[in-house]
């Protein structure tokens, strides 16, 4: 039987006037799509006077409540594109009469769906527990009304809401020990890899830019890809033949995103290590995101978010910018020395990219 999607109302919250409402709304809608939600209605509010109880103003709460009551569709959940405290979530949930999930909970939910390896599942489970712990009493107070299924309540780390704080803390301690053990094993493997003279390449970039599709083309494999945010969460490493008897080790990494929940930073640890250890980074960018607001195009904003994080962790400055989805461009663009234009869909520009990689490494 086909699984029915939950219907959602989405609220975008902007704290500054110069924040791009369209960019934020597009991103939260794509996150909802990745969580298999059907977005019925979008609202936004630029916060002038911060409401500690509900974030958004009383008038906006009333407006959304009236819409939910009168809507022809049954609204299952309200998604708020802002990190909420347990009491704020409860207050909004009481006001709307439906379940409320914030940005953090939504991203954790997507990670829960996408985690495949043992470490990724443990990391997501720990992130869910850390997120749930300070909200336990408030969420327990609403669980009877809204059930414990659907977005924000599922995945490999699904936690029964009746678990008390003590049990949750014990579980977190056990998870941390298991994760530490896996990390130790991974670091031993990493030390062996670092001894190798074969150069290492890491695919990096904002989420859903086509990194996994590019890896498939370069190494002629069929790793899972999907047009969703965080479709692949686990790092994938393959041998890449560059021609002339030259090889490199190519690793695909999880995509970056703005305002990544701090609970999930550790879930990126293996990915970040791969980026730090790499001799060359292929920074993949979706060049088709060329909507402009406040003097910057969307792909430029995404590039900056990724570059800032890469610089922060001390990743190599030896980088090739790979502009993907060139098949969606309407006009040619001027490329710099370390940039290349490709289309994974139409398999264009791959030979040029391979030549650039070889020239950088050998």
Protein backbone atom coordinates (compact mmCIF):
# COMPACT_ATOMS: atom_id res chain seq x y z
CA UNK A 1 0.00 0.00 0.00
CA UNK A 2 1.22 3.48 -0.81
CA UNK A 3 2.31 5.37 2.29
CA UNK A 4 0.26 8.52 2.88
CA UNK A 5 2.30 11.68 3.40
CA UNK A 6 1.68 13.90 6.39
CA UNK A 7 0.29 17.34 5.56
CA UNK A 8 2.34 20.24 6.90
CA UNK A 9 2.05 23.97 7.41
CA UNK A 10 5.49 25.62 7.32
CA UNK A 11 6.52 28.81 9.14
CA UNK A 12 9.72 30.58 8.06
CA UNK A 13 11.17 32.84 10.76
CA UNK A 14 13.51 35.70 9.82
CA UNK A 15 15.34 37.63 12.52
CA UNK A 16 16.92 40.23 10.22
CA UNK A 17 15.35 42.30 7.46
CA UNK A 18 18.14 41.46 5.00
CA UNK A 19 17.62 37.70 5.39
CA UNK A 20 16.30 36.15 2.19
CA UNK A 21 12.77 34.94 2.94
CA UNK A 22 12.57 33.16 -0.43
CA UNK A 23 15.88 31.32 0.10
CA UNK A 24 14.92 30.24 3.63
CA UNK A 25 11.44 29.17 2.52
CA UNK A 26 12.78 27.19 -0.47
CA UNK A 27 15.28 25.38 1.77
CA UNK A 28 12.81 24.45 4.52
CA UNK A 29 10.35 23.27 1.84
CA UNK A 30 13.04 21.03 0.35
CA UNK A 31 13.81 19.68 3.82
CA UNK A 32 10.09 18.89 4.20
CA UNK A 33 10.14 17.12 0.82
CA UNK A 34 13.13 15.06 2.00
CA UNK A 35 11.14 14.13 5.13
CA UNK A 36 8.22 12.98 2.91
CA UNK A 37 5.95 15.81 4.02
CA UNK A 38 3.33 17.45 1.84
CA UNK A 39 3.57 21.23 2.36
CA UNK A 40 0.02 22.62 2.19
CA UNK A 41 0.71 26.23 3.18
CA UNK A 42 3.71 28.51 3.82
CA UNK A 43 3.80 31.39 6.30
CA UNK A 44 6.67 33.69 7.21
CA UNK A 45 7.32 36.35 9.82
CA UNK A 46 10.15 38.84 10.25
CA UNK A 47 10.64 39.03 14.02
CA UNK A 48 10.75 42.59 15.32
CA UNK A 49 9.73 41.96 18.92
CA UNK A 50 10.90 38.55 20.13
CA UNK A 51 8.12 36.54 21.80
CA UNK A 52 9.77 34.20 24.34
CA UNK A 53 6.66 32.04 24.65
CA UNK A 54 5.99 31.31 20.98
CA UNK A 55 8.75 33.06 18.91
CA UNK A 56 6.15 34.38 16.46
CA UNK A 57 3.50 36.96 17.45
CA UNK A 58 0.09 36.14 18.95
CA UNK A 59 -1.66 37.46 15.83
CA UNK A 60 0.31 35.10 13.58
CA UNK A 61 -0.44 32.15 15.90
CA UNK A 62 -4.16 32.97 15.70
CA UNK A 63 -4.02 33.38 11.91
CA UNK A 64 -2.37 29.97 11.44
CA UNK A 65 -4.73 28.32 13.93
CA UNK A 66 -7.76 29.64 12.00
CA UNK A 67 -6.28 28.31 8.76
CA UNK A 68 -5.68 24.84 10.26
CA UNK A 69 -9.26 24.69 11.58
CA UNK A 70 -10.83 25.83 8.28
CA UNK A 71 -8.48 23.99 5.88
CA UNK A 72 -10.00 21.35 3.60
CA UNK A 73 -6.93 19.18 4.20
CA UNK A 74 -6.22 17.63 7.60
CA UNK A 75 -3.04 19.28 8.88
CA UNK A 76 -0.85 16.78 10.73
CA UNK A 77 2.13 18.92 11.70
CA UNK A 78 3.40 22.50 11.78
CA UNK A 79 7.10 22.90 10.86
CA UNK A 80 8.86 25.96 12.31
CA UNK A 81 12.11 26.94 10.58
CA UNK A 82 13.74 27.92 13.86
CA UNK A 83 15.18 26.01 16.86
CA UNK A 84 12.51 25.90 19.58
CA UNK A 85 12.74 25.13 23.29
CA UNK A 86 10.45 22.47 24.74
CA UNK A 87 8.11 25.08 26.26
CA UNK A 88 7.92 27.06 22.98
CA UNK A 89 7.08 23.86 21.13
CA UNK A 90 4.38 23.04 23.68
CA UNK A 91 2.92 26.57 23.58
CA UNK A 92 2.73 26.55 19.78
CA UNK A 93 1.33 23.02 19.77
CA UNK A 94 -1.39 24.08 22.23
CA UNK A 95 -2.13 27.17 20.14
CA UNK A 96 -2.39 25.33 16.82
CA UNK A 97 -3.94 22.11 18.14
CA UNK A 98 -1.48 19.96 16.16
CA UNK A 99 2.04 18.57 16.53
CA UNK A 100 4.89 21.09 16.13
CA UNK A 101 8.40 20.20 14.90
CA UNK A 102 11.26 22.72 14.65
CA UNK A 103 14.11 22.91 12.12
CA UNK A 104 16.44 20.87 14.35
CA UNK A 105 13.90 18.06 14.81
CA UNK A 106 13.17 18.00 11.07
CA UNK A 107 16.85 17.65 10.07
CA UNK A 108 17.42 14.96 12.70
CA UNK A 109 14.37 13.13 11.31
CA UNK A 110 15.86 13.22 7.78
CA UNK A 111 19.16 11.92 9.13
CA UNK A 112 17.26 9.14 10.91
CA UNK A 113 15.71 8.06 7.61
CA UNK A 114 19.00 8.19 5.71
CA UNK A 115 21.43 6.56 8.16
CA UNK A 116 22.65 3.21 6.85
CA UNK A 117 25.96 2.33 8.54
CA UNK A 118 26.19 1.27 12.18
CA UNK A 119 28.07 4.45 13.16
CA UNK A 120 25.63 6.77 11.36
CA UNK A 121 22.68 5.07 13.11
CA UNK A 122 24.35 5.39 16.52
CA UNK A 123 25.23 9.06 15.89
CA UNK A 124 21.66 9.87 14.86
CA UNK A 125 20.26 7.98 17.85
CA UNK A 126 22.52 9.99 20.16
CA UNK A 127 21.51 13.24 18.42
CA UNK A 128 17.82 12.34 18.89
CA UNK A 129 18.38 11.62 22.59
CA UNK A 130 20.27 14.91 23.10
CA UNK A 131 17.46 16.75 21.35
CA UNK A 132 14.75 14.94 23.29
CA UNK A 133 16.24 15.16 26.80
CA UNK A 134 15.53 18.86 27.56
CA UNK A 135 12.11 18.57 25.87
CA UNK A 136 11.02 15.30 27.45
CA UNK A 137 8.37 16.64 29.84
CA UNK A 138 6.81 18.95 27.22
CA UNK A 139 6.76 16.27 24.52
CA UNK A 140 5.30 13.72 26.93
CA UNK A 141 2.58 16.22 27.72
CA UNK A 142 1.46 16.30 24.08
CA UNK A 143 2.17 12.70 23.02
CA UNK A 144 -1.28 11.47 23.97
CA UNK A 145 -2.91 14.01 21.67
CA UNK A 146 -0.65 13.66 18.65
CA UNK A 147 0.66 10.11 18.91
CA UNK A 148 4.27 9.04 18.49
CA UNK A 149 4.39 8.43 14.74
CA UNK A 150 5.41 10.47 11.74
CA UNK A 151 7.96 13.24 11.27
CA UNK A 152 10.09 13.97 14.32
CA UNK A 153 9.21 10.62 15.93
CA UNK A 154 10.86 7.95 13.80
CA UNK A 155 14.05 6.43 12.43
CA UNK A 156 16.75 4.10 13.72
CA UNK A 157 16.93 6.20 16.87
CA UNK A 158 13.22 6.28 17.62
CA UNK A 159 12.71 6.91 21.34
CA UNK A 160 9.59 5.88 23.25
CA UNK A 161 8.20 9.04 24.77
CA UNK A 162 7.46 7.33 28.08
CA UNK A 163 11.20 6.85 28.72
CA UNK A 164 12.15 8.87 31.75
CA UNK A 165 15.20 11.13 32.03
CA UNK A 166 17.32 8.58 33.92
CA UNK A 167 16.87 5.85 31.32
CA UNK A 168 17.56 8.34 28.52
CA UNK A 169 20.80 9.50 30.15
CA UNK A 170 21.94 5.88 30.63
CA UNK A 171 21.20 5.19 26.99
CA UNK A 172 23.21 8.26 25.90
CA UNK A 173 26.20 7.11 27.96
CA UNK A 174 26.06 3.65 26.34
CA UNK A 175 25.79 5.17 22.83
CA UNK A 176 28.78 7.45 23.44
CA UNK A 177 30.89 4.43 24.45
CA UNK A 178 29.86 2.50 21.33
CA UNK A 179 30.59 5.50 19.09
CA UNK A 180 33.99 6.04 20.74
CA UNK A 181 34.89 2.41 20.03
CA UNK A 182 33.97 2.77 16.34
CA UNK A 183 35.89 6.07 16.15
CA UNK A 184 39.02 4.36 17.52
CA UNK A 185 38.71 1.62 14.88
CA UNK A 186 38.19 4.24 12.15
CA UNK A 187 41.20 6.27 13.25
CA UNK A 188 43.38 3.12 13.08
CA UNK A 189 42.21 2.56 9.48
CA UNK A 190 42.79 6.25 8.79
CA UNK A 191 46.40 6.07 10.00
CA UNK A 192 47.01 3.17 7.62
CA UNK A 193 45.51 5.17 4.73
CA UNK A 194 47.70 8.17 5.56
CA UNK A 195 50.80 5.98 5.16
CA UNK A 196 49.76 5.30 1.56
CA UNK A 197 51.40 7.32 -1.21
CA UNK A 198 48.19 7.24 -3.29
CA UNK A 199 46.71 10.79 -3.25
CA UNK A 200 43.34 11.32 -1.56
CA UNK A 201 40.44 13.36 -2.98
CA UNK A 202 37.27 14.36 -1.11
CA UNK A 203 34.01 15.39 -2.75
CA UNK A 204 32.51 18.24 -0.72
CA UNK A 205 29.68 20.72 -1.18
CA UNK A 206 26.24 21.84 -0.11
CA UNK A 207 23.64 19.10 0.15
CA UNK A 208 21.91 17.92 -3.07
CA UNK A 209 24.43 19.34 -5.55
CA UNK A 210 25.19 16.01 -7.23
CA UNK A 211 28.28 14.72 -5.38
CA UNK A 212 27.14 11.08 -5.37
CA UNK A 213 26.14 11.31 -9.05
CA UNK A 214 29.62 12.65 -9.88
CA UNK A 215 31.28 9.84 -7.91
CA UNK A 216 29.20 7.31 -9.85
CA UNK A 217 30.38 8.82 -13.15
CA UNK A 218 34.04 9.04 -12.14
CA UNK A 219 34.35 5.49 -10.78
CA UNK A 220 31.60 3.92 -12.95
CA UNK A 221 29.48 2.69 -10.05
CA UNK A 222 25.84 3.02 -9.00
CA UNK A 223 25.81 4.41 -5.46
CA UNK A 224 22.34 5.50 -4.30
CA UNK A 225 21.35 9.03 -5.34
CA UNK A 226 18.10 10.98 -5.01
CA UNK A 227 16.91 14.54 -5.58
CA UNK A 228 16.52 15.09 -1.84
CA UNK A 229 18.54 16.83 0.86
CA UNK A 230 20.83 14.38 2.72
CA UNK A 231 19.92 11.47 0.43
CA UNK A 232 23.28 9.88 1.30
CA UNK A 233 24.76 10.22 4.81
CA UNK A 234 27.55 7.67 4.89
CA UNK A 235 30.99 8.32 3.43
CA UNK A 236 31.83 6.21 0.37
CA UNK A 237 35.44 5.61 -0.72
CA UNK A 238 36.49 4.24 -4.14
CA UNK A 239 39.63 3.98 -6.26
CA UNK A 240 39.72 6.47 -9.15
CA UNK A 241 41.77 5.76 -12.29
CA UNK A 242 43.23 8.97 -13.75
CA UNK A 243 44.93 7.46 -16.82
CA UNK A 244 48.61 6.80 -17.52
CA UNK A 245 48.85 4.34 -14.64
CA UNK A 246 47.89 7.02 -12.08
CA UNK A 247 45.31 6.42 -9.35
CA UNK A 248 43.69 8.36 -6.50
CA UNK A 249 41.37 7.51 -3.59
CA UNK A 250 38.03 9.32 -3.99
CA UNK A 251 35.65 9.82 -1.04
CA UNK A 252 32.08 11.13 -1.21
CA UNK A 253 30.98 13.06 1.89
CA UNK A 254 27.67 14.15 3.40
CA UNK A 255 26.45 17.56 2.21
CA UNK A 256 26.68 20.75 4.24
CA UNK A 257 23.72 22.97 5.11
CA UNK A 258 23.26 26.32 6.81
CA UNK A 259 22.45 26.28 10.54
CA UNK A 260 23.30 22.61 10.96
CA UNK A 261 21.95 21.48 14.36
CA UNK A 262 24.82 21.25 16.86
CA UNK A 263 23.47 17.84 17.95
CA UNK A 264 24.48 16.53 14.51
CA UNK A 265 27.99 17.99 14.30
CA UNK A 266 29.45 14.70 15.63
CA UNK A 267 27.55 12.80 12.96
CA UNK A 268 29.73 14.72 10.48
CA UNK A 269 32.96 13.72 12.22
CA UNK A 270 34.04 11.00 9.77
CA UNK A 271 33.15 13.25 6.82
CA UNK A 272 35.13 16.16 8.25
CA UNK A 273 38.13 13.91 8.86
CA UNK A 274 38.08 12.83 5.21
CA UNK A 275 38.04 16.48 4.10
CA UNK A 276 40.94 17.39 6.43
CA UNK A 277 43.07 14.43 5.29
CA UNK A 278 42.46 14.93 1.55
CA UNK A 279 45.22 16.14 -0.77
CA UNK A 280 42.61 17.71 -3.05
CA UNK A 281 38.99 18.80 -2.58
CA UNK A 282 36.40 18.76 -5.35
CA UNK A 283 33.95 21.44 -4.24
CA UNK A 284 30.75 20.55 -6.12
CA UNK A 285 28.31 23.45 -6.67
CA UNK A 286 24.80 23.49 -8.16
CA UNK A 287 25.29 26.31 -10.70
CA UNK A 288 21.58 26.27 -11.62
CA UNK A 289 20.70 27.97 -8.28
CA UNK A 290 21.17 31.44 -9.76
CA UNK A 291 18.29 33.34 -8.15
CA UNK A 292 19.70 36.59 -6.81
CA UNK A 293 18.77 38.38 -3.60
CA UNK A 294 20.71 41.07 -1.72
CA UNK A 295 23.39 41.10 -4.43
CA UNK A 296 24.33 37.40 -4.12
CA UNK A 297 23.20 34.39 -6.11
CA UNK A 298 21.98 31.34 -4.21
CA UNK A 299 24.86 29.10 -5.36
CA UNK A 300 27.35 31.74 -4.14
CA UNK A 301 25.75 31.74 -0.67
CA UNK A 302 25.94 27.93 -0.57
CA UNK A 303 29.59 28.03 -1.67
CA UNK A 304 30.46 30.47 1.11
CA UNK A 305 28.77 28.30 3.79
CA UNK A 306 30.80 25.27 2.62
CA UNK A 307 34.10 27.17 2.23
CA UNK A 308 33.81 28.78 5.67
CA UNK A 309 33.33 25.38 7.32
CA UNK A 310 36.18 23.82 5.32
CA UNK A 311 38.51 26.66 6.35
CA UNK A 312 37.38 26.31 9.96
CA UNK A 313 38.36 22.62 10.13
CA UNK A 314 41.70 23.22 8.40
CA UNK A 315 40.95 21.44 5.11
CA UNK A 316 43.43 21.79 2.26
CA UNK A 317 43.38 24.97 0.16
CA UNK A 318 44.02 22.85 -2.94
CA UNK A 319 40.50 22.83 -4.33
CA UNK A 320 38.78 22.49 -7.70
CA UNK A 321 35.35 24.11 -7.92
CA UNK A 322 33.08 21.79 -9.94
CA UNK A 323 30.03 23.66 -11.24
CA UNK A 324 27.41 20.92 -11.80
CA UNK A 325 24.01 20.99 -13.58
CA UNK A 326 25.34 23.09 -16.46
CA UNK A 327 22.54 21.60 -18.60
CA UNK A 328 20.15 23.96 -16.74
CA UNK A 329 22.15 27.13 -17.57
CA UNK A 330 20.69 29.63 -20.03
CA UNK A 331 23.95 31.50 -20.78
CA UNK A 332 27.69 30.75 -20.64
CA UNK A 333 29.75 31.69 -17.58
CA UNK A 334 33.37 32.81 -17.21
CA UNK A 335 35.49 30.24 -15.40
CA UNK A 336 38.58 30.81 -13.23
CA UNK A 337 41.71 28.63 -13.36
CA UNK A 338 40.54 26.22 -10.62
CA UNK A 339 36.94 25.91 -11.90
CA UNK A 340 35.29 23.46 -14.29
CA UNK A 341 31.76 23.23 -15.70
CA UNK A 342 30.09 19.82 -15.86
CA UNK A 343 26.73 18.10 -16.15
CA UNK A 344 26.42 14.71 -14.45
CA UNK A 345 23.01 14.27 -16.07
CA UNK A 346 24.37 14.68 -19.63
CA UNK A 347 27.86 13.36 -18.73
CA UNK A 348 29.56 16.53 -19.97
CA UNK A 349 32.88 17.97 -18.83
CA UNK A 350 34.06 14.81 -17.00
CA UNK A 351 37.21 14.38 -19.14
CA UNK A 352 38.19 18.03 -18.51
CA UNK A 353 37.68 17.48 -14.78
CA UNK A 354 39.84 14.31 -14.78
CA UNK A 355 42.64 16.21 -16.57
CA UNK A 356 42.47 19.01 -13.97
CA UNK A 357 42.59 16.47 -11.13
CA UNK A 358 45.63 14.74 -12.64
CA UNK A 359 47.44 18.06 -13.16
CA UNK A 360 46.80 19.06 -9.52
CA UNK A 361 47.98 15.76 -8.04
CA UNK A 362 50.85 14.69 -10.34
